[in-house]
Amino acid sequence: MRVLVTGVAGFVGYHVAQALLARGVEVVGVDDLNTYYDVRLKQARLARLGKGFTFHKLDIADHASVLRLGDGVEVIVHVAAQAGVRYSLENPFAYAASNLTGHLSLLELARHTKSVKHLIYASSSSVYGTGSVLPYAESERADKPSSLYAATKRADELMSASYTHLFGLKQTGLRFFTVYGPWGRPDMAYFGFAEAIMAGEPVTLYENGGLKRDFTYIDDIVAGILGVFDHLPGDDEPHRLFNIGNHRAEYVRDLVRLLEDSLGREAVTVSLPKPEADPVETCADVRALHDLCGYVPSTTLEEGIPRFVEWYLKWREIRAGL
């Protein structure tokens, strides 16, 4: 079986590719290795993907190049995107290219490749905006995005819905909730907090760390993706949307405390008002995904953060020698 994974040098894409390879699946990986964050980390992830893996360096917004990748592909796991809510204020056109044009490229690939049976793609909890009822359920309206990033992710869902309606594509969109863990993204808060603590620099907390997030460990995310992978959409619901989270909101200040404990250092904190685009709390209702594939997130923040720190400290040593 051949699977195309986009964003394969990224955090989620790398872990998904690794899990598929462990199953004996042939993985064709795509990534443009952009400089949004340290390319050395992306290259280090790729170096760990061995037998059964083929890599293509290309931009998914280059639709002509993407269309050449379909030979024998049965499933597409599309997790490439320009991430980051705040960066969308600085570089909006990067989001249009990667998240909109890029998503359209994968829809066209699925449309024109007869062997493709299922397109699984990454959406985001950010589509719920800042005023949705907790815990967020897939039935909740998602028509008031509070950032351009959120708007592109909701647009992806709508584009996918239209392609299913027009061309019968079988698709599953997954609304990720604050993914963390080893080999994570340096632009994420937990990673940035660890860097600041180790450097003795201030950690910026909004509302004194009183915001709450549904932190979801990477192994639980991968388990959910594989659960969807193993359950092809039926004709009764060819395009599905699922939350994929931990179903537990945690204070950001508790995250910092766990980082302090694991790193053995105290954080110097600075409090600022909450940005307008940030919700006060996020929490996923994951019953629908559980009903589909038995999804039950099992990793608590108290377990996950020490695992991240163990990896992070090793990565700091490796990075220093690169």
C-alpha atoms as a PDB file:
ATOM      1  CA  MET A   1       0.000   0.000   0.000  1.00  0.00           C
ATOM      2  CA  ARG A   2       1.283   3.464  -0.894  1.00  0.00           C
ATOM      3  CA  VAL A   3       0.404   6.566   1.141  1.00  0.00           C
ATOM      4  CA  LEU A   4       1.260  10.177   0.347  1.00  0.00           C
ATOM      5  CA  VAL A   5       2.066  12.276   3.429  1.00  0.00           C
ATOM      6  CA  THR A   6       2.378  16.040   2.967  1.00  0.00           C
ATOM      7  CA  GLY A   7       4.309  18.119   5.476  1.00  0.00           C
ATOM      8  CA  VAL A   8       6.348  14.991   6.168  1.00  0.00           C
ATOM      9  CA  ALA A   9       9.272  16.930   7.669  1.00  0.00           C
ATOM     10  CA  GLY A  10       6.890  18.667  10.049  1.00  0.00           C
ATOM     11  CA  PHE A  11       5.903  17.617  13.559  1.00  0.00           C
ATOM     12  CA  VAL A  12       2.710  15.675  12.867  1.00  0.00           C
ATOM     13  CA  GLY A  13       3.683  14.520   9.368  1.00  0.00           C
ATOM     14  CA  TYR A  14       6.939  12.975  10.605  1.00  0.00           C
ATOM     15  CA  HIS A  15       5.201  11.023  13.366  1.00  0.00           C
ATOM     16  CA  VAL A  16       2.448   9.812  11.020  1.00  0.00           C
ATOM     17  CA  ALA A  17       5.012   8.688   8.438  1.00  0.00           C
ATOM     18  CA  GLN A  18       6.974   6.848  11.128  1.00  0.00           C
ATOM     19  CA  ALA A  19       3.829   5.042  12.318  1.00  0.00           C
ATOM     20  CA  LEU A  20       2.835   4.054   8.772  1.00  0.00           C
ATOM     21  CA  LEU A  21       6.313   2.762   7.976  1.00  0.00           C
ATOM     22  CA  ALA A  22       6.172   0.653  11.140  1.00  0.00           C
ATOM     23  CA  ARG A  23       3.065  -0.983   9.664  1.00  0.00           C
ATOM     24  CA  GLY A  24       4.939  -1.830   6.479  1.00  0.00           C
ATOM     25  CA  VAL A  25       3.202   0.849   4.431  1.00  0.00           C
ATOM     26  CA  GLU A  26       5.132   2.542   1.619  1.00  0.00           C
ATOM     27  CA  VAL A  27       5.270   6.286   2.321  1.00  0.00           C
ATOM     28  CA  VAL A  28       5.825   9.005  -0.255  1.00  0.00           C
ATOM     29  CA  GLY A  29       6.623  12.192   1.635  1.00  0.00           C
ATOM     30  CA  VAL A  30       6.414  15.794   0.496  1.00  0.00           C
ATOM     31  CA  ASP A  31       7.720  18.946   2.174  1.00  0.00           C
ATOM     32  CA  ASP A  32       9.134  22.274   0.995  1.00  0.00           C
ATOM     33  CA  LEU A  33      11.505  22.573   3.982  1.00  0.00           C
ATOM     34  CA  ASN A  34      10.708  26.256   4.398  1.00  0.00           C
ATOM     35  CA  THR A  35      12.465  28.437   6.961  1.00  0.00           C
ATOM     36  CA  TYR A  36       9.431  29.245   9.143  1.00  0.00           C
ATOM     37  CA  TYR A  37      11.397  27.447  11.866  1.00  0.00           C
ATOM     38  CA  ASP A  38      14.783  25.698  12.127  1.00  0.00           C
ATOM     39  CA  VAL A  39      15.311  23.594   9.004  1.00  0.00           C
ATOM     40  CA  ARG A  40      17.855  21.490  10.884  1.00  0.00           C
ATOM     41  CA  LEU A  41      15.023  20.049  12.962  1.00  0.00           C
ATOM     42  CA  LYS A  42      13.056  19.170   9.825  1.00  0.00           C
ATOM     43  CA  GLN A  43      16.100  17.524   8.286  1.00  0.00           C
ATOM     44  CA  ALA A  44      16.741  15.559  11.475  1.00  0.00           C
ATOM     45  CA  ARG A  45      13.185  14.217  11.373  1.00  0.00           C
ATOM     46  CA  LEU A  46      13.574  13.152   7.749  1.00  0.00           C
ATOM     47  CA  ALA A  47      16.850  11.376   8.544  1.00  0.00           C
ATOM     48  CA  ARG A  48      14.947   9.032  10.876  1.00  0.00           C
ATOM     49  CA  LEU A  49      12.564   7.815   8.159  1.00  0.00           C
ATOM     50  CA  GLY A  50      14.169   4.806   6.530  1.00  0.00           C
ATOM     51  CA  LYS A  51      13.129   1.766   4.507  1.00  0.00           C
ATOM     52  CA  GLY A  52       9.950   2.237   2.508  1.00  0.00           C
ATOM     53  CA  PHE A  53      10.191   6.042   2.501  1.00  0.00           C
ATOM     54  CA  THR A  54      10.639   8.293  -0.533  1.00  0.00           C
ATOM     55  CA  PHE A  55      11.001  12.057  -0.211  1.00  0.00           C
ATOM     56  CA  HIS A  56      10.137  14.852  -2.653  1.00  0.00           C
ATOM     57  CA  LYS A  57      11.086  18.436  -1.856  1.00  0.00           C
ATOM     58  CA  LEU A  58       8.365  20.611  -3.312  1.00  0.00           C
ATOM     59  CA  ASP A  59       5.791  23.258  -2.476  1.00  0.00           C
ATOM     60  CA  ILE A  60       2.237  21.880  -2.435  1.00  0.00           C
ATOM     61  CA  ALA A  61       1.056  25.167  -3.950  1.00  0.00           C
ATOM     62  CA  ASP A  62       2.885  24.019  -7.109  1.00  0.00           C
ATOM     63  CA  HIS A  63      -0.094  22.050  -8.345  1.00  0.00           C
ATOM     64  CA  ALA A  64       1.595  20.754 -11.483  1.00  0.00           C
ATOM     65  CA  SER A  65       4.312  19.071  -9.394  1.00  0.00           C
ATOM     66  CA  VAL A  66       1.774  17.698  -6.923  1.00  0.00           C
ATOM     67  CA  LEU A  67      -0.269  16.105  -9.707  1.00  0.00           C
ATOM     68  CA  ARG A  68       2.777  14.025 -10.691  1.00  0.00           C
ATOM     69  CA  LEU A  69       2.848  12.275  -7.288  1.00  0.00           C
ATOM     70  CA  GLY A  70      -0.309  10.214  -7.560  1.00  0.00           C
ATOM     71  CA  ASP A  71       1.030   7.004  -9.088  1.00  0.00           C
ATOM     72  CA  GLY A  72      -0.287   4.099  -7.011  1.00  0.00           C
ATOM     73  CA  VAL A  73      -1.273   6.278  -4.032  1.00  0.00           C
ATOM     74  CA  GLU A  74      -4.301   4.900  -2.183  1.00  0.00           C
ATOM     75  CA  VAL A  75      -4.497   7.298   0.767  1.00  0.00           C
ATOM     76  CA  ILE A  76      -3.375  10.903   1.172  1.00  0.00           C
ATOM     77  CA  VAL A  77      -2.578  12.226   4.653  1.00  0.00           C
ATOM     78  CA  HIS A  78      -2.407  15.960   4.112  1.00  0.00           C
ATOM     79  CA  VAL A  79      -0.911  17.714   7.137  1.00  0.00           C
ATOM     80  CA  ALA A  80       1.220  20.330   5.359  1.00  0.00           C
ATOM     81  CA  ALA A  81       0.218  23.904   6.166  1.00  0.00           C
ATOM     82  CA  GLN A  82       1.517  27.298   7.094  1.00  0.00           C
ATOM     83  CA  ALA A  83       0.894  27.138  10.823  1.00  0.00           C
ATOM     84  CA  GLY A  84       0.682  29.813  13.496  1.00  0.00           C
ATOM     85  CA  VAL A  85      -2.156  32.151  14.368  1.00  0.00           C
ATOM     86  CA  ARG A  86      -0.066  35.249  15.034  1.00  0.00           C
ATOM     87  CA  TYR A  87       2.289  34.811  12.072  1.00  0.00           C
ATOM     88  CA  SER A  88      -0.747  35.114   9.791  1.00  0.00           C
ATOM     89  CA  LEU A  89      -0.872  38.797  10.745  1.00  0.00           C
ATOM     90  CA  GLU A  90       2.688  39.279   9.480  1.00  0.00           C
ATOM     91  CA  ASN A  91       2.704  37.131   6.345  1.00  0.00           C
ATOM     92  CA  PRO A  92      -0.872  36.542   5.179  1.00  0.00           C
ATOM     93  CA  PHE A  93       0.003  35.520   1.630  1.00  0.00           C
ATOM     94  CA  ALA A  94       1.995  32.533   2.892  1.00  0.00           C
ATOM     95  CA  TYR A  95      -1.268  31.228   4.354  1.00  0.00           C
ATOM     96  CA  ALA A  96      -3.165  31.749   1.120  1.00  0.00           C
ATOM     97  CA  ALA A  97      -0.482  29.881  -0.842  1.00  0.00           C
ATOM     98  CA  SER A  98       0.030  26.920   1.497  1.00  0.00           C
ATOM     99  CA  ASN A  99      -3.326  26.498   3.193  1.00  0.00           C
ATOM    100  CA  LEU A 100      -5.679  27.418   0.340  1.00  0.00           C
ATOM    101  CA  THR A 101      -3.854  26.792  -2.946  1.00  0.00           C
ATOM    102  CA  GLY A 102      -1.962  23.895  -1.362  1.00  0.00           C
ATOM    103  CA  HIS A 103      -5.149  22.249  -0.139  1.00  0.00           C
ATOM    104  CA  LEU A 104      -6.703  22.698  -3.571  1.00  0.00           C
ATOM    105  CA  SER A 105      -3.677  20.978  -5.123  1.00  0.00           C
ATOM    106  CA  LEU A 106      -4.309  17.896  -2.983  1.00  0.00           C
ATOM    107  CA  LEU A 107      -8.019  17.925  -3.812  1.00  0.00           C
ATOM    108  CA  GLU A 108      -7.172  17.990  -7.502  1.00  0.00           C
ATOM    109  CA  LEU A 109      -4.668  15.176  -7.037  1.00  0.00           C
ATOM    110  CA  ALA A 110      -7.331  13.066  -5.315  1.00  0.00           C
ATOM    111  CA  ARG A 111      -9.864  13.958  -8.001  1.00  0.00           C
ATOM    112  CA  HIS A 112      -7.645  12.940 -10.902  1.00  0.00           C
ATOM    113  CA  THR A 113      -5.972   9.873  -9.336  1.00  0.00           C
ATOM    114  CA  LYS A 114      -8.233   6.848  -9.596  1.00  0.00           C
ATOM    115  CA  SER A 115      -6.237   4.831  -7.062  1.00  0.00           C
ATOM    116  CA  VAL A 116      -6.891   7.362  -4.218  1.00  0.00           C
ATOM    117  CA  LYS A 117      -9.570   6.006  -1.883  1.00  0.00           C
ATOM    118  CA  HIS A 118      -9.330   8.475   1.007  1.00  0.00           C
ATOM    119  CA  LEU A 119      -8.011  11.983   1.652  1.00  0.00           C
ATOM    120  CA  ILE A 120      -7.326  12.694   5.336  1.00  0.00           C
ATOM    121  CA  TYR A 121      -6.505  16.326   6.034  1.00  0.00           C
ATOM    122  CA  ALA A 122      -5.598  18.524   8.988  1.00  0.00           C
ATOM    123  CA  SER A 123      -7.985  21.203  10.129  1.00  0.00           C
ATOM    124  CA  SER A 124      -7.786  23.034  13.449  1.00  0.00           C
ATOM    125  CA  SER A 125      -9.647  23.789  16.662  1.00  0.00           C
ATOM    126  CA  SER A 126      -9.194  27.449  15.717  1.00  0.00           C
ATOM    127  CA  VAL A 127     -12.185  27.165  13.361  1.00  0.00           C
ATOM    128  CA  TYR A 128     -14.445  27.418  16.432  1.00  0.00           C
ATOM    129  CA  GLY A 129     -13.370  31.018  17.061  1.00  0.00           C
ATOM    130  CA  THR A 130     -13.482  32.537  20.526  1.00  0.00           C
ATOM    131  CA  GLY A 131     -17.127  32.256  21.544  1.00  0.00           C
ATOM    132  CA  SER A 132     -18.136  28.624  21.017  1.00  0.00           C
ATOM    133  CA  VAL A 133     -19.748  26.520  23.723  1.00  0.00           C
ATOM    134  CA  LEU A 134     -17.400  24.176  25.587  1.00  0.00           C
ATOM    135  CA  PRO A 135     -16.492  21.453  24.968  1.00  0.00           C
ATOM    136  CA  TYR A 136     -16.324  22.158  21.254  1.00  0.00           C
ATOM    137  CA  ALA A 137     -18.487  19.739  19.275  1.00  0.00           C
ATOM    138  CA  GLU A 138     -18.383  19.195  15.523  1.00  0.00           C
ATOM    139  CA  SER A 139     -22.017  20.312  15.351  1.00  0.00           C
ATOM    140  CA  GLU A 140     -21.042  23.762  16.669  1.00  0.00           C
ATOM    141  CA  ARG A 141     -21.149  26.583  14.114  1.00  0.00           C
ATOM    142  CA  ALA A 142     -17.731  27.520  12.771  1.00  0.00           C
ATOM    143  CA  ASP A 143     -18.469  30.727  10.866  1.00  0.00           C
ATOM    144  CA  LYS A 144     -16.702  33.348  12.995  1.00  0.00           C
ATOM    145  CA  PRO A 145     -12.950  32.712  12.713  1.00  0.00           C
ATOM    146  CA  SER A 146     -10.840  35.038  14.853  1.00  0.00           C
ATOM    147  CA  SER A 147      -7.692  34.818  12.690  1.00  0.00           C
ATOM    148  CA  LEU A 148      -6.699  34.410   9.064  1.00  0.00           C
ATOM    149  CA  TYR A 149      -5.193  31.023   9.934  1.00  0.00           C
ATOM    150  CA  ALA A 150      -8.569  29.860  11.272  1.00  0.00           C
ATOM    151  CA  ALA A 151     -10.324  31.223   8.192  1.00  0.00           C
ATOM    152  CA  THR A 152      -8.020  29.253   5.869  1.00  0.00           C
ATOM    153  CA  LYS A 153      -8.653  26.054   7.804  1.00  0.00           C
ATOM    154  CA  ARG A 154     -12.417  26.523   7.676  1.00  0.00           C
ATOM    155  CA  ALA A 155     -12.117  27.313   3.969  1.00  0.00           C
ATOM    156  CA  ASP A 156     -10.253  24.015   3.512  1.00  0.00           C
ATOM    157  CA  GLU A 157     -13.179  22.175   5.101  1.00  0.00           C
ATOM    158  CA  LEU A 158     -15.629  23.899   2.773  1.00  0.00           C
ATOM    159  CA  MET A 159     -13.511  23.233  -0.303  1.00  0.00           C
ATOM    160  CA  SER A 160     -13.337  19.585   0.681  1.00  0.00           C
ATOM    161  CA  ALA A 161     -17.102  19.456   1.155  1.00  0.00           C
ATOM    162  CA  SER A 162     -17.602  20.879  -2.332  1.00  0.00           C
ATOM    163  CA  TYR A 163     -15.225  18.341  -3.926  1.00  0.00           C
ATOM    164  CA  THR A 164     -17.036  15.504  -2.197  1.00  0.00           C
ATOM    165  CA  HIS A 165     -20.341  16.848  -3.492  1.00  0.00           C
ATOM    166  CA  LEU A 166     -19.063  17.381  -7.025  1.00  0.00           C
ATOM    167  CA  PHE A 167     -16.712  14.437  -7.507  1.00  0.00           C
ATOM    168  CA  GLY A 168     -17.570  11.925  -4.772  1.00  0.00           C
ATOM    169  CA  LEU A 169     -14.201  12.131  -2.987  1.00  0.00           C
ATOM    170  CA  LYS A 170     -13.987  10.222   0.304  1.00  0.00           C
ATOM    171  CA  GLN A 171     -12.480  12.615   2.858  1.00  0.00           C
ATOM    172  CA  THR A 172     -11.918  13.075   6.583  1.00  0.00           C
ATOM    173  CA  GLY A 173     -10.966  16.394   8.179  1.00  0.00           C
ATOM    174  CA  LEU A 174      -9.411  16.389  11.651  1.00  0.00           C
ATOM    175  CA  ARG A 175      -9.625  19.438  13.900  1.00  0.00           C
ATOM    176  CA  PHE A 176      -6.389  19.258  15.897  1.00  0.00           C
ATOM    177  CA  PHE A 177      -6.232  20.630  19.449  1.00  0.00           C
ATOM    178  CA  THR A 178      -2.822  22.004  20.633  1.00  0.00           C
ATOM    179  CA  VAL A 179      -0.504  19.130  19.736  1.00  0.00           C
ATOM    180  CA  TYR A 180       2.715  18.761  21.745  1.00  0.00           C
ATOM    181  CA  GLY A 181       5.491  16.246  22.353  1.00  0.00           C
ATOM    182  CA  PRO A 182       8.963  15.121  21.203  1.00  0.00           C
ATOM    183  CA  TRP A 183      10.155  16.438  17.840  1.00  0.00           C
ATOM    184  CA  GLY A 184       7.671  19.294  18.235  1.00  0.00           C
ATOM    185  CA  ARG A 185       7.513  22.706  16.613  1.00  0.00           C
ATOM    186  CA  PRO A 186       9.727  25.472  18.048  1.00  0.00           C
ATOM    187  CA  ASP A 187       7.024  28.077  17.389  1.00  0.00           C
ATOM    188  CA  MET A 188       4.603  26.361  19.792  1.00  0.00           C
ATOM    189  CA  ALA A 189       4.256  27.804  23.294  1.00  0.00           C
ATOM    190  CA  TYR A 190       5.539  24.796  25.244  1.00  0.00           C
ATOM    191  CA  PHE A 191       8.700  24.606  23.100  1.00  0.00           C
ATOM    192  CA  GLY A 192       9.281  28.362  23.301  1.00  0.00           C
ATOM    193  CA  PHE A 193       8.759  28.290  27.070  1.00  0.00           C
ATOM    194  CA  ALA A 194      11.397  25.556  27.422  1.00  0.00           C
ATOM    195  CA  GLU A 195      13.848  27.575  25.321  1.00  0.00           C
ATOM    196  CA  ALA A 196      13.253  30.691  27.417  1.00  0.00           C
ATOM    197  CA  ILE A 197      13.591  28.851  30.727  1.00  0.00           C
ATOM    198  CA  MET A 198      16.894  27.293  29.684  1.00  0.00           C
ATOM    199  CA  ALA A 199      18.192  30.655  28.453  1.00  0.00           C
ATOM    200  CA  GLY A 200      17.068  32.487  31.585  1.00  0.00           C
ATOM    201  CA  GLU A 201      14.811  34.704  29.505  1.00  0.00           C
ATOM    202  CA  PRO A 202      11.270  35.842  30.406  1.00  0.00           C
ATOM    203  CA  VAL A 203       8.336  33.571  29.616  1.00  0.00           C
ATOM    204  CA  THR A 204       5.364  35.598  28.379  1.00  0.00           C
ATOM    205  CA  LEU A 205       2.069  34.377  29.831  1.00  0.00           C
ATOM    206  CA  TYR A 206      -1.291  35.828  28.891  1.00  0.00           C
ATOM    207  CA  GLU A 207      -3.541  36.655  31.843  1.00  0.00           C
ATOM    208  CA  ASN A 208      -0.921  35.234  34.245  1.00  0.00           C
ATOM    209  CA  GLY A 209      -1.217  31.830  32.608  1.00  0.00           C
ATOM    210  CA  GLY A 210      -4.946  31.706  33.254  1.00  0.00           C
ATOM    211  CA  LEU A 211      -5.877  30.640  29.723  1.00  0.00           C
ATOM    212  CA  LYS A 212      -6.712  26.961  29.292  1.00  0.00           C
ATOM    213  CA  ARG A 213      -5.846  24.686  26.397  1.00  0.00           C
ATOM    214  CA  ASP A 214      -6.663  21.115  25.409  1.00  0.00           C
ATOM    215  CA  PHE A 215      -3.049  19.945  25.165  1.00  0.00           C
ATOM    216  CA  THR A 216      -2.918  16.719  23.137  1.00  0.00           C
ATOM    217  CA  TYR A 217       0.130  14.462  23.100  1.00  0.00           C
ATOM    218  CA  ILE A 218       1.482  13.496  19.694  1.00  0.00           C
ATOM    219  CA  ASP A 219       1.059   9.736  20.231  1.00  0.00           C
ATOM    220  CA  ASP A 220      -2.656  10.257  20.856  1.00  0.00           C
ATOM    221  CA  ILE A 221      -2.924  12.373  17.705  1.00  0.00           C
ATOM    222  CA  VAL A 222      -1.238   9.653  15.654  1.00  0.00           C
ATOM    223  CA  ALA A 223      -3.524   7.008  17.169  1.00  0.00           C
ATOM    224  CA  GLY A 224      -6.536   9.059  16.081  1.00  0.00           C
ATOM    225  CA  ILE A 225      -5.187   9.553  12.564  1.00  0.00           C
ATOM    226  CA  LEU A 226      -4.523   5.829  12.215  1.00  0.00           C
ATOM    227  CA  GLY A 227      -8.017   5.115  13.514  1.00  0.00           C
ATOM    228  CA  VAL A 228      -9.449   7.276  10.732  1.00  0.00           C
ATOM    229  CA  PHE A 229      -7.011   5.694   8.273  1.00  0.00           C
ATOM    230  CA  ASP A 230      -8.443   2.279   9.151  1.00  0.00           C
ATOM    231  CA  HIS A 231     -12.078   3.389   8.726  1.00  0.00           C
ATOM    232  CA  LEU A 232     -12.800   4.566   5.202  1.00  0.00           C
ATOM    233  CA  PRO A 233     -15.796   6.917   4.911  1.00  0.00           C
ATOM    234  CA  GLY A 234     -18.975   5.281   3.664  1.00  0.00           C
ATOM    235  CA  ASP A 235     -21.320   6.476   0.955  1.00  0.00           C
ATOM    236  CA  ASP A 236     -23.718   7.749   3.634  1.00  0.00           C
ATOM    237  CA  GLU A 237     -21.105  10.221   4.949  1.00  0.00           C
ATOM    238  CA  PRO A 238     -18.311  10.570   2.392  1.00  0.00           C
ATOM    239  CA  HIS A 239     -16.906  13.761   3.966  1.00  0.00           C
ATOM    240  CA  ARG A 240     -16.451  13.656   7.732  1.00  0.00           C
ATOM    241  CA  LEU A 241     -15.169  16.133  10.311  1.00  0.00           C
ATOM    242  CA  PHE A 242     -13.808  15.065  13.699  1.00  0.00           C
ATOM    243  CA  ASN A 243     -12.277  16.765  16.692  1.00  0.00           C
ATOM    244  CA  ILE A 244      -9.024  15.167  17.785  1.00  0.00           C
ATOM    245  CA  GLY A 245      -7.951  16.336  21.218  1.00  0.00           C
ATOM    246  CA  ASN A 246      -7.361  15.273  24.808  1.00  0.00           C
ATOM    247  CA  HIS A 247     -10.840  16.260  26.064  1.00  0.00           C
ATOM    248  CA  ARG A 248      -9.255  18.043  29.020  1.00  0.00           C
ATOM    249  CA  ALA A 249      -8.565  21.768  29.371  1.00  0.00           C
ATOM    250  CA  GLU A 250      -5.372  22.608  31.310  1.00  0.00           C
ATOM    251  CA  TYR A 251      -4.135  25.950  32.609  1.00  0.00           C
ATOM    252  CA  VAL A 252      -1.102  27.278  30.740  1.00  0.00           C
ATOM    253  CA  ARG A 253       0.481  28.098  34.110  1.00  0.00           C
ATOM    254  CA  ASP A 254       0.326  24.380  34.952  1.00  0.00           C
ATOM    255  CA  LEU A 255       2.177  23.643  31.732  1.00  0.00           C
ATOM    256  CA  VAL A 256       4.912  26.069  32.833  1.00  0.00           C
ATOM    257  CA  ARG A 257       5.105  24.422  36.265  1.00  0.00           C
ATOM    258  CA  LEU A 258       5.606  21.008  34.681  1.00  0.00           C
ATOM    259  CA  LEU A 259       8.328  22.414  32.421  1.00  0.00           C
ATOM    260  CA  GLU A 260      10.056  23.942  35.470  1.00  0.00           C
ATOM    261  CA  ASP A 261       9.915  20.608  37.296  1.00  0.00           C
ATOM    262  CA  SER A 262      11.253  18.640  34.334  1.00  0.00           C
ATOM    263  CA  LEU A 263      13.967  21.129  33.400  1.00  0.00           C
ATOM    264  CA  GLY A 264      14.992  21.721  37.012  1.00  0.00           C
ATOM    265  CA  ARG A 265      14.866  25.485  36.544  1.00  0.00           C
ATOM    266  CA  GLU A 266      12.467  28.223  37.556  1.00  0.00           C
ATOM    267  CA  ALA A 267      10.786  30.353  34.921  1.00  0.00           C
ATOM    268  CA  VAL A 268      10.881  34.138  34.948  1.00  0.00           C
ATOM    269  CA  THR A 269       7.375  35.106  33.869  1.00  0.00           C
ATOM    270  CA  VAL A 270       5.815  38.239  32.428  1.00  0.00           C
ATOM    271  CA  SER A 271       2.050  38.639  32.110  1.00  0.00           C
ATOM    272  CA  LEU A 272       0.313  40.376  29.224  1.00  0.00           C
ATOM    273  CA  PRO A 273      -3.350  40.790  28.257  1.00  0.00           C
ATOM    274  CA  LYS A 274      -4.861  38.081  26.083  1.00  0.00           C
ATOM    275  CA  PRO A 275      -4.593  38.746  22.321  1.00  0.00           C
ATOM    276  CA  GLU A 276      -7.926  39.312  20.626  1.00  0.00           C
ATOM    277  CA  ALA A 277      -7.581  36.205  18.455  1.00  0.00           C
ATOM    278  CA  ASP A 278      -6.994  33.843  21.392  1.00  0.00           C
ATOM    279  CA  PRO A 279      -9.869  31.981  23.082  1.00  0.00           C
ATOM    280  CA  VAL A 280      -9.907  31.845  26.877  1.00  0.00           C
ATOM    281  CA  GLU A 281     -10.275  28.074  26.830  1.00  0.00           C
ATOM    282  CA  THR A 282     -10.335  25.188  24.363  1.00  0.00           C
ATOM    283  CA  CYS A 283     -11.633  21.694  24.977  1.00  0.00           C
ATOM    284  CA  ALA A 284     -12.528  18.995  22.456  1.00  0.00           C
ATOM    285  CA  ASP A 285     -15.605  16.822  22.502  1.00  0.00           C
ATOM    286  CA  VAL A 286     -14.101  13.623  21.042  1.00  0.00           C
ATOM    287  CA  ARG A 287     -17.130  11.340  21.289  1.00  0.00           C
ATOM    288  CA  ALA A 288     -17.618  11.176  17.524  1.00  0.00           C
ATOM    289  CA  LEU A 289     -14.062   9.989  16.901  1.00  0.00           C
ATOM    290  CA  HIS A 290     -14.418   7.501  19.751  1.00  0.00           C
ATOM    291  CA  ASP A 291     -17.594   6.145  18.200  1.00  0.00           C
ATOM    292  CA  LEU A 292     -15.826   5.710  14.851  1.00  0.00           C
ATOM    293  CA  CYS A 293     -12.607   4.005  15.931  1.00  0.00           C
ATOM    294  CA  GLY A 294     -12.496   3.748  19.732  1.00  0.00           C
ATOM    295  CA  TYR A 295     -10.307   6.837  20.102  1.00  0.00           C
ATOM    296  CA  VAL A 296      -9.404   7.447  23.752  1.00  0.00           C
ATOM    297  CA  PRO A 297      -6.536   9.871  24.454  1.00  0.00           C
ATOM    298  CA  SER A 298      -4.412   8.354  27.192  1.00  0.00           C
ATOM    299  CA  THR A 299      -1.495  10.722  27.828  1.00  0.00           C
ATOM    300  CA  THR A 300      -1.844  13.303  30.593  1.00  0.00           C
ATOM    301  CA  LEU A 301       0.105  16.551  30.588  1.00  0.00           C
ATOM    302  CA  GLU A 302       1.975  15.251  33.653  1.00  0.00           C
ATOM    303  CA  GLU A 303       3.200  12.338  31.545  1.00  0.00           C
ATOM    304  CA  GLY A 304       3.703  14.131  28.250  1.00  0.00           C
ATOM    305  CA  ILE A 305       5.757  17.133  29.310  1.00  0.00           C
ATOM    306  CA  PRO A 306       8.576  15.079  30.917  1.00  0.00           C
ATOM    307  CA  ARG A 307       8.752  13.023  27.713  1.00  0.00           C
ATOM    308  CA  PHE A 308       9.032  16.199  25.679  1.00  0.00           C
ATOM    309  CA  VAL A 309      11.733  17.592  27.966  1.00  0.00           C
ATOM    310  CA  GLU A 310      13.747  14.382  27.791  1.00  0.00           C
ATOM    311  CA  TRP A 311      13.805  14.698  24.001  1.00  0.00           C
ATOM    312  CA  TYR A 312      14.309  18.473  24.064  1.00  0.00           C
ATOM    313  CA  LEU A 313      17.456  18.325  26.180  1.00  0.00           C
ATOM    314  CA  LYS A 314      18.974  15.766  23.807  1.00  0.00           C
ATOM    315  CA  TRP A 315      17.990  17.903  20.817  1.00  0.00           C
ATOM    316  CA  ARG A 316      19.702  20.963  22.334  1.00  0.00           C
ATOM    317  CA  GLU A 317      22.965  19.014  22.455  1.00  0.00           C
ATOM    318  CA  ILE A 318      22.575  17.746  18.905  1.00  0.00           C
ATOM    319  CA  ARG A 319      21.612  21.201  17.640  1.00  0.00           C
ATOM    320  CA  ALA A 320      24.671  22.782  19.231  1.00  0.00           C
ATOM    321  CA  GLY A 321      26.898  20.512  17.150  1.00  0.00           C
ATOM    322  CA  LEU A 322      25.180  21.156  13.809  1.00  0.00           C
END
